Amino acid sequence: MKVILLENIRKIGNIGEIVNVKRGFARNYLFSRNKALFASKENIKEVEKIKSDLNKKDLERKKKAQEIFDKINNAIFLFKKLATEKDELYGSVKPSEICEAIKSQKKVEIEPSIIQLNQEIKKLGKFKVKVDLHSQLQAELIIVVQAEESK
């Protein structure tokens, strides 16, 4: 399905580009989040007219993302969790918990959906986590999970 992108999307394309994507991705992600329009003749003409406005909005988003990047990149966040003798956690460290830690320590609010976990954090130790702040900007966090002292 051909769509016109209304913002820069990593690994897909840039503002105003006409790209071919799968129908489900277009319907469930791009259209529902107003990130793209169906590539009809009318929509192509409309996007050409508003392309400069879209670029300005993208620059504003990038500026905000850069501010967040400067605050959280390479930051270390400590989590204390109950663990077994084999250093495995009861449960895991979720993206929503990471967002709460960022909010409380760095005073920055981000969505859990932009946190990219390579694998679930289910053990004690150090883990690197990527945060997609913008299509061209990705911060990296260090998550340290330690055993909680049992009473």
N, C-alpha and C. Protein backbone atom coordinates (compact mmCIF):
# COMPACT_ATOMS: atom_id res chain seq x y z
N MET A 1 0.84 -1.18 0.00
CA MET A 1 0.00 0.00 0.00
C MET A 1 0.89 1.24 0.00
N LYS A 2 0.61 2.16 -0.88
CA LYS A 2 1.40 3.39 -0.95
C LYS A 2 0.81 4.45 -0.03
N VAL A 3 1.71 5.06 0.79
CA VAL A 3 1.30 6.10 1.72
C VAL A 3 2.26 7.27 1.62
N ILE A 4 1.79 8.44 2.07
CA ILE A 4 2.62 9.64 2.14
C ILE A 4 2.93 9.87 3.61
N LEU A 5 4.21 9.97 3.94
CA LEU A 5 4.60 10.16 5.34
C LEU A 5 4.42 11.61 5.77
N LEU A 6 3.83 11.79 6.94
CA LEU A 6 3.62 13.12 7.50
C LEU A 6 4.70 13.48 8.52
N GLU A 7 5.57 12.52 8.86
CA GLU A 7 6.72 12.79 9.72
C GLU A 7 7.83 11.80 9.39
N ASN A 8 9.03 12.11 9.86
CA ASN A 8 10.16 11.21 9.64
C ASN A 8 9.97 9.97 10.50
N ILE A 9 10.09 8.81 9.89
CA ILE A 9 9.96 7.55 10.61
C ILE A 9 11.18 6.71 10.29
N ARG A 10 11.87 6.33 11.35
CA ARG A 10 13.12 5.58 11.19
C ARG A 10 12.88 4.29 10.40
N LYS A 11 13.78 4.02 9.49
CA LYS A 11 13.79 2.83 8.63
C LYS A 11 12.63 2.78 7.64
N ILE A 12 11.79 3.83 7.59
CA ILE A 12 10.68 3.86 6.64
C ILE A 12 10.91 4.98 5.62
N GLY A 13 11.07 6.22 6.12
CA GLY A 13 11.28 7.34 5.20
C GLY A 13 11.14 8.68 5.89
N ASN A 14 11.17 9.74 5.08
CA ASN A 14 11.11 11.11 5.59
C ASN A 14 9.79 11.78 5.20
N ILE A 15 9.57 12.95 5.75
CA ILE A 15 8.36 13.72 5.51
C ILE A 15 8.13 13.92 4.01
N GLY A 16 6.89 13.69 3.57
CA GLY A 16 6.52 13.93 2.19
C GLY A 16 6.85 12.81 1.23
N GLU A 17 7.61 11.83 1.66
CA GLU A 17 7.96 10.71 0.78
C GLU A 17 6.76 9.78 0.59
N ILE A 18 6.67 9.21 -0.59
CA ILE A 18 5.66 8.19 -0.85
C ILE A 18 6.37 6.85 -0.74
N VAL A 19 5.93 6.05 0.21
CA VAL A 19 6.58 4.76 0.46
C VAL A 19 5.55 3.64 0.38
N ASN A 20 6.05 2.45 0.14
CA ASN A 20 5.19 1.27 0.06
C ASN A 20 5.32 0.51 1.38
N VAL A 21 4.20 0.32 2.08
CA VAL A 21 4.21 -0.41 3.35
C VAL A 21 3.10 -1.45 3.34
N LYS A 22 3.14 -2.36 4.28
CA LYS A 22 2.09 -3.37 4.37
C LYS A 22 0.81 -2.73 4.88
N ARG A 23 -0.32 -3.27 4.42
CA ARG A 23 -1.63 -2.71 4.78
C ARG A 23 -1.85 -2.62 6.28
N GLY A 24 -1.53 -3.68 6.99
CA GLY A 24 -1.74 -3.71 8.44
C GLY A 24 -0.94 -2.65 9.16
N PHE A 25 0.31 -2.47 8.75
CA PHE A 25 1.16 -1.44 9.35
C PHE A 25 0.58 -0.06 9.08
N ALA A 26 0.12 0.15 7.86
CA ALA A 26 -0.47 1.45 7.50
C ALA A 26 -1.73 1.72 8.33
N ARG A 27 -2.63 0.75 8.35
CA ARG A 27 -3.90 0.93 9.07
C ARG A 27 -3.71 1.04 10.58
N ASN A 28 -2.96 0.09 11.14
CA ASN A 28 -2.88 0.00 12.60
C ASN A 28 -1.91 0.96 13.24
N TYR A 29 -0.90 1.41 12.50
CA TYR A 29 0.09 2.28 13.11
C TYR A 29 0.13 3.67 12.45
N LEU A 30 0.40 3.72 11.16
CA LEU A 30 0.61 5.01 10.50
C LEU A 30 -0.66 5.87 10.46
N PHE A 31 -1.77 5.29 10.02
CA PHE A 31 -3.01 6.08 9.91
C PHE A 31 -3.57 6.40 11.29
N SER A 32 -3.55 5.43 12.21
CA SER A 32 -4.16 5.65 13.52
C SER A 32 -3.41 6.70 14.34
N ARG A 33 -2.12 6.89 14.06
CA ARG A 33 -1.32 7.88 14.80
C ARG A 33 -1.04 9.13 13.98
N ASN A 34 -1.76 9.30 12.88
CA ASN A 34 -1.61 10.47 11.98
C ASN A 34 -0.17 10.68 11.54
N LYS A 35 0.51 9.59 11.20
CA LYS A 35 1.88 9.67 10.73
C LYS A 35 1.94 9.56 9.20
N ALA A 36 0.81 9.21 8.57
CA ALA A 36 0.80 9.06 7.12
C ALA A 36 -0.63 9.23 6.59
N LEU A 37 -0.70 9.45 5.26
CA LEU A 37 -1.98 9.51 4.55
C LEU A 37 -1.91 8.54 3.38
N PHE A 38 -3.07 8.06 2.97
CA PHE A 38 -3.14 7.23 1.77
C PHE A 38 -2.66 8.06 0.59
N ALA A 39 -1.88 7.47 -0.32
CA ALA A 39 -1.25 8.22 -1.42
C ALA A 39 -2.20 8.41 -2.60
N SER A 40 -3.24 9.21 -2.40
CA SER A 40 -4.13 9.55 -3.51
C SER A 40 -3.62 10.85 -4.15
N LYS A 41 -4.12 11.18 -5.34
CA LYS A 41 -3.67 12.39 -6.03
C LYS A 41 -3.96 13.64 -5.19
N GLU A 42 -5.14 13.67 -4.56
CA GLU A 42 -5.52 14.83 -3.74
C GLU A 42 -4.59 14.97 -2.53
N ASN A 43 -4.31 13.84 -1.87
CA ASN A 43 -3.44 13.88 -0.69
C ASN A 43 -2.01 14.28 -1.05
N ILE A 44 -1.53 13.85 -2.20
CA ILE A 44 -0.18 14.21 -2.64
C ILE A 44 -0.09 15.73 -2.82
N LYS A 45 -1.11 16.33 -3.46
CA LYS A 45 -1.13 17.79 -3.65
C LYS A 45 -1.20 18.51 -2.30
N GLU A 46 -2.03 17.99 -1.39
CA GLU A 46 -2.20 18.59 -0.06
C GLU A 46 -0.89 18.56 0.73
N VAL A 47 -0.19 17.44 0.69
CA VAL A 47 1.06 17.30 1.44
C VAL A 47 2.13 18.23 0.87
N GLU A 48 2.16 18.41 -0.45
CA GLU A 48 3.12 19.34 -1.05
C GLU A 48 2.92 20.75 -0.49
N LYS A 49 1.65 21.13 -0.28
CA LYS A 49 1.35 22.47 0.23
C LYS A 49 1.82 22.62 1.68
N ILE A 50 1.62 21.59 2.50
CA ILE A 50 1.90 21.72 3.94
C ILE A 50 3.26 21.13 4.35
N LYS A 51 4.08 20.80 3.38
CA LYS A 51 5.37 20.15 3.67
C LYS A 51 6.26 21.03 4.56
N SER A 52 6.29 22.32 4.32
CA SER A 52 7.15 23.20 5.14
C SER A 52 6.66 23.25 6.59
N ASP A 53 5.34 23.25 6.79
CA ASP A 53 4.81 23.22 8.15
C ASP A 53 5.18 21.92 8.85
N LEU A 54 5.10 20.82 8.11
CA LEU A 54 5.46 19.52 8.68
C LEU A 54 6.94 19.49 9.06
N ASN A 55 7.79 20.09 8.23
CA ASN A 55 9.22 20.15 8.54
C ASN A 55 9.48 20.98 9.79
N LYS A 56 8.74 22.09 9.96
CA LYS A 56 8.89 22.91 11.17
C LYS A 56 8.49 22.12 12.41
N LYS A 57 7.37 21.40 12.32
CA LYS A 57 6.93 20.59 13.45
C LYS A 57 7.96 19.51 13.78
N ASP A 58 8.54 18.92 12.74
CA ASP A 58 9.54 17.88 12.97
C ASP A 58 10.79 18.47 13.63
N LEU A 59 11.18 19.67 13.23
CA LEU A 59 12.32 20.33 13.87
C LEU A 59 12.06 20.60 15.35
N GLU A 60 10.81 21.02 15.67
CA GLU A 60 10.44 21.25 17.07
C GLU A 60 10.51 19.94 17.86
N ARG A 61 9.99 18.86 17.27
CA ARG A 61 10.05 17.55 17.92
C ARG A 61 11.50 17.13 18.15
N LYS A 62 12.33 17.39 17.15
CA LYS A 62 13.75 17.01 17.27
C LYS A 62 14.43 17.82 18.37
N LYS A 63 14.07 19.10 18.48
CA LYS A 63 14.64 19.96 19.51
C LYS A 63 14.27 19.46 20.90
N LYS A 64 12.99 19.11 21.08
CA LYS A 64 12.54 18.56 22.36
C LYS A 64 13.24 17.23 22.65
N ALA A 65 13.37 16.40 21.61
CA ALA A 65 14.04 15.10 21.77
C ALA A 65 15.50 15.31 22.15
N GLN A 66 16.14 16.33 21.59
CA GLN A 66 17.54 16.61 21.92
C GLN A 66 17.68 17.02 23.38
N GLU A 67 16.73 17.81 23.88
CA GLU A 67 16.75 18.21 25.30
C GLU A 67 16.64 16.99 26.20
N ILE A 68 15.72 16.10 25.87
CA ILE A 68 15.54 14.87 26.65
C ILE A 68 16.79 14.01 26.54
N PHE A 69 17.34 13.90 25.33
CA PHE A 69 18.57 13.13 25.09
C PHE A 69 19.70 13.61 25.99
N ASP A 70 19.87 14.94 26.06
CA ASP A 70 20.94 15.51 26.88
C ASP A 70 20.77 15.16 28.36
N LYS A 71 19.53 15.04 28.80
CA LYS A 71 19.27 14.74 30.22
C LYS A 71 19.44 13.25 30.55
N ILE A 72 19.03 12.37 29.62
CA ILE A 72 18.96 10.95 29.99
C ILE A 72 20.00 10.05 29.34
N ASN A 73 20.71 10.51 28.31
CA ASN A 73 21.65 9.63 27.62
C ASN A 73 22.76 9.18 28.57
N ASN A 74 23.04 7.88 28.57
CA ASN A 74 24.05 7.24 29.42
C ASN A 74 23.77 7.37 30.91
N ALA A 75 22.54 7.70 31.27
CA ALA A 75 22.17 7.77 32.69
C ALA A 75 22.05 6.35 33.24
N ILE A 76 22.35 6.22 34.53
CA ILE A 76 22.26 4.92 35.18
C ILE A 76 21.07 4.94 36.13
N PHE A 77 20.22 3.93 36.01
CA PHE A 77 19.04 3.81 36.86
C PHE A 77 19.13 2.50 37.64
N LEU A 78 18.93 2.60 38.94
CA LEU A 78 19.06 1.44 39.82
C LEU A 78 17.68 0.93 40.21
N PHE A 79 17.50 -0.38 40.08
CA PHE A 79 16.26 -1.03 40.48
C PHE A 79 16.59 -2.10 41.50
N LYS A 80 15.86 -2.13 42.61
CA LYS A 80 16.03 -3.19 43.60
C LYS A 80 14.81 -4.08 43.53
N LYS A 81 15.05 -5.37 43.24
CA LYS A 81 13.96 -6.32 43.04
C LYS A 81 14.22 -7.58 43.85
N LEU A 82 13.14 -8.27 44.20
CA LEU A 82 13.27 -9.57 44.85
C LEU A 82 13.80 -10.57 43.83
N ALA A 83 14.78 -11.38 44.26
CA ALA A 83 15.40 -12.33 43.34
C ALA A 83 15.62 -13.68 44.03
N THR A 84 15.74 -14.72 43.22
CA THR A 84 16.03 -16.06 43.73
C THR A 84 17.53 -16.19 43.98
N GLU A 85 17.93 -17.34 44.52
CA GLU A 85 19.35 -17.60 44.76
C GLU A 85 20.13 -17.66 43.44
N LYS A 86 19.44 -17.96 42.35
CA LYS A 86 20.09 -18.06 41.03
C LYS A 86 20.12 -16.70 40.31
N ASP A 87 19.90 -15.63 41.03
CA ASP A 87 19.90 -14.26 40.51
C ASP A 87 18.81 -13.99 39.48
N GLU A 88 17.74 -14.75 39.52
CA GLU A 88 16.60 -14.49 38.64
C GLU A 88 15.55 -13.72 39.41
N LEU A 89 14.92 -12.78 38.72
CA LEU A 89 13.91 -11.93 39.37
C LEU A 89 12.56 -12.62 39.45
N TYR A 90 11.81 -12.25 40.47
CA TYR A 90 10.40 -12.61 40.51
C TYR A 90 9.69 -11.54 39.68
N GLY A 91 9.42 -11.83 38.43
CA GLY A 91 8.86 -10.83 37.52
C GLY A 91 9.97 -10.28 36.64
N SER A 92 9.83 -9.01 36.24
CA SER A 92 10.84 -8.38 35.39
C SER A 92 10.77 -6.87 35.54
N VAL A 93 11.74 -6.19 34.96
CA VAL A 93 11.73 -4.72 34.93
C VAL A 93 11.02 -4.31 33.64
N LYS A 94 9.92 -3.63 33.78
CA LYS A 94 9.07 -3.26 32.64
C LYS A 94 9.41 -1.84 32.15
N PRO A 95 9.12 -1.55 30.86
CA PRO A 95 9.32 -0.19 30.35
C PRO A 95 8.59 0.87 31.16
N SER A 96 7.41 0.55 31.68
CA SER A 96 6.68 1.53 32.49
C SER A 96 7.43 1.88 33.78
N GLU A 97 8.12 0.89 34.37
CA GLU A 97 8.92 1.16 35.57
C GLU A 97 10.12 2.03 35.22
N ILE A 98 10.71 1.79 34.06
CA ILE A 98 11.84 2.60 33.62
C ILE A 98 11.38 4.05 33.41
N CYS A 99 10.19 4.23 32.83
CA CYS A 99 9.63 5.58 32.63
C CYS A 99 9.44 6.29 33.97
N GLU A 100 8.93 5.56 34.96
CA GLU A 100 8.73 6.15 36.29
C GLU A 100 10.06 6.57 36.90
N ALA A 101 11.10 5.74 36.73
CA ALA A 101 12.43 6.08 37.26
C ALA A 101 12.98 7.33 36.58
N ILE A 102 12.80 7.42 35.27
CA ILE A 102 13.26 8.60 34.53
C ILE A 102 12.52 9.85 35.01
N LYS A 103 11.21 9.69 35.20
CA LYS A 103 10.39 10.82 35.64
C LYS A 103 10.81 11.30 37.03
N SER A 104 11.04 10.36 37.96
CA SER A 104 11.37 10.75 39.32
C SER A 104 12.81 11.28 39.44
N GLN A 105 13.75 10.71 38.70
CA GLN A 105 15.14 11.12 38.84
C GLN A 105 15.54 12.27 37.92
N LYS A 106 15.05 12.27 36.70
CA LYS A 106 15.48 13.28 35.71
C LYS A 106 14.41 14.32 35.39
N LYS A 107 13.22 14.16 35.96
CA LYS A 107 12.10 15.09 35.72
C LYS A 107 11.73 15.20 34.25
N VAL A 108 11.75 14.04 33.56
CA VAL A 108 11.42 13.99 32.13
C VAL A 108 10.36 12.91 31.94
N GLU A 109 9.30 13.26 31.22
CA GLU A 109 8.26 12.27 30.95
C GLU A 109 8.41 11.72 29.54
N ILE A 110 8.45 10.38 29.44
CA ILE A 110 8.48 9.72 28.14
C ILE A 110 7.46 8.59 28.15
N GLU A 111 7.10 8.14 26.97
CA GLU A 111 6.15 7.04 26.83
C GLU A 111 6.87 5.70 26.92
N PRO A 112 6.27 4.71 27.58
CA PRO A 112 6.89 3.38 27.64
C PRO A 112 7.10 2.76 26.26
N SER A 113 6.29 3.14 25.29
CA SER A 113 6.38 2.53 23.96
C SER A 113 7.67 2.89 23.22
N ILE A 114 8.38 3.95 23.62
CA ILE A 114 9.61 4.31 22.92
C ILE A 114 10.85 3.65 23.53
N ILE A 115 10.65 2.90 24.61
CA ILE A 115 11.75 2.17 25.23
C ILE A 115 11.92 0.84 24.53
N GLN A 116 13.12 0.59 24.02
CA GLN A 116 13.41 -0.63 23.26
C GLN A 116 14.25 -1.58 24.11
N LEU A 117 13.63 -2.64 24.61
CA LEU A 117 14.36 -3.65 25.37
C LEU A 117 14.85 -4.72 24.40
N ASN A 118 16.14 -5.05 24.45
CA ASN A 118 16.67 -6.13 23.61
C ASN A 118 16.08 -7.46 24.03
N GLN A 119 16.00 -7.66 25.33
CA GLN A 119 15.33 -8.83 25.88
C GLN A 119 14.72 -8.39 27.21
N GLU A 120 13.81 -9.20 27.74
CA GLU A 120 13.21 -8.85 29.02
C GLU A 120 14.27 -8.86 30.10
N ILE A 121 14.17 -7.92 31.02
CA ILE A 121 15.12 -7.86 32.13
C ILE A 121 14.57 -8.72 33.26
N LYS A 122 15.07 -9.95 33.35
CA LYS A 122 14.58 -10.91 34.33
C LYS A 122 15.67 -11.42 35.26
N LYS A 123 16.86 -10.80 35.21
CA LYS A 123 17.98 -11.24 36.04
C LYS A 123 18.60 -10.03 36.73
N LEU A 124 19.44 -10.29 37.72
CA LEU A 124 20.23 -9.24 38.33
C LEU A 124 21.36 -8.90 37.38
N GLY A 125 21.83 -7.65 37.40
CA GLY A 125 22.95 -7.27 36.56
C GLY A 125 22.76 -5.91 35.91
N LYS A 126 23.61 -5.65 34.89
CA LYS A 126 23.59 -4.39 34.15
C LYS A 126 23.04 -4.65 32.76
N PHE A 127 22.16 -3.75 32.30
CA PHE A 127 21.54 -3.90 30.99
C PHE A 127 21.53 -2.55 30.28
N LYS A 128 21.76 -2.58 28.95
CA LYS A 128 21.66 -1.36 28.15
C LYS A 128 20.29 -1.37 27.47
N VAL A 129 19.65 -0.21 27.53
CA VAL A 129 18.31 -0.05 26.97
C VAL A 129 18.33 1.16 26.05
N LYS A 130 17.74 1.03 24.88
CA LYS A 130 17.67 2.14 23.93
C LYS A 130 16.30 2.83 24.04
N VAL A 131 16.33 4.16 23.85
CA VAL A 131 15.10 4.96 23.89
C VAL A 131 15.02 5.73 22.58
N ASP A 132 13.99 5.44 21.77
CA ASP A 132 13.79 6.13 20.49
C ASP A 132 13.09 7.46 20.74
N LEU A 133 13.86 8.53 20.82
CA LEU A 133 13.30 9.85 21.08
C LEU A 133 12.80 10.53 19.82
N HIS A 134 13.46 10.23 18.70
CA HIS A 134 13.14 10.84 17.41
C HIS A 134 13.68 9.89 16.35
N SER A 135 13.23 10.04 15.12
CA SER A 135 13.69 9.13 14.07
C SER A 135 15.20 9.20 13.87
N GLN A 136 15.82 10.31 14.25
CA GLN A 136 17.26 10.47 14.08
C GLN A 136 18.02 10.53 15.40
N LEU A 137 17.33 10.25 16.51
CA LEU A 137 17.96 10.40 17.82
C LEU A 137 17.56 9.26 18.75
N GLN A 138 18.56 8.54 19.25
CA GLN A 138 18.30 7.40 20.11
C GLN A 138 19.22 7.48 21.33
N ALA A 139 18.62 7.56 22.52
CA ALA A 139 19.40 7.61 23.75
C ALA A 139 19.64 6.20 24.26
N GLU A 140 20.67 6.05 25.08
CA GLU A 140 20.96 4.75 25.67
C GLU A 140 21.00 4.91 27.20
N LEU A 141 20.30 4.04 27.89
CA LEU A 141 20.27 4.05 29.35
C LEU A 141 20.97 2.81 29.87
N ILE A 142 21.46 2.90 31.09
CA ILE A 142 22.03 1.73 31.75
C ILE A 142 21.13 1.40 32.93
N ILE A 143 20.60 0.19 32.91
CA ILE A 143 19.72 -0.29 33.97
C ILE A 143 20.51 -1.24 34.83
N VAL A 144 20.60 -0.95 36.12
CA VAL A 144 21.28 -1.84 37.06
C VAL A 144 20.23 -2.45 37.97
N VAL A 145 20.18 -3.78 38.00
CA VAL A 145 19.20 -4.47 38.83
C VAL A 145 19.96 -5.18 39.94
N GLN A 146 19.60 -4.83 41.18
CA GLN A 146 20.22 -5.43 42.35
C GLN A 146 19.16 -6.16 43.17
N ALA A 147 19.62 -7.12 43.97
CA ALA A 147 18.71 -7.86 44.83
C ALA A 147 18.23 -6.97 45.97
N GLU A 148 16.94 -7.05 46.25
CA GLU A 148 16.38 -6.31 47.36
C GLU A 148 16.67 -7.12 48.63
N GLU A 149 17.08 -6.42 49.67
CA GLU A 149 17.38 -7.10 50.93
C GLU A 149 16.08 -7.59 51.56
N SER A 150 15.99 -8.87 51.86
CA SER A 150 14.78 -9.40 52.50
C SER A 150 14.91 -9.21 54.00
N LYS A 151 13.77 -8.94 54.63
CA LYS A 151 13.77 -8.62 56.08
C LYS A 151 13.50 -9.84 56.91
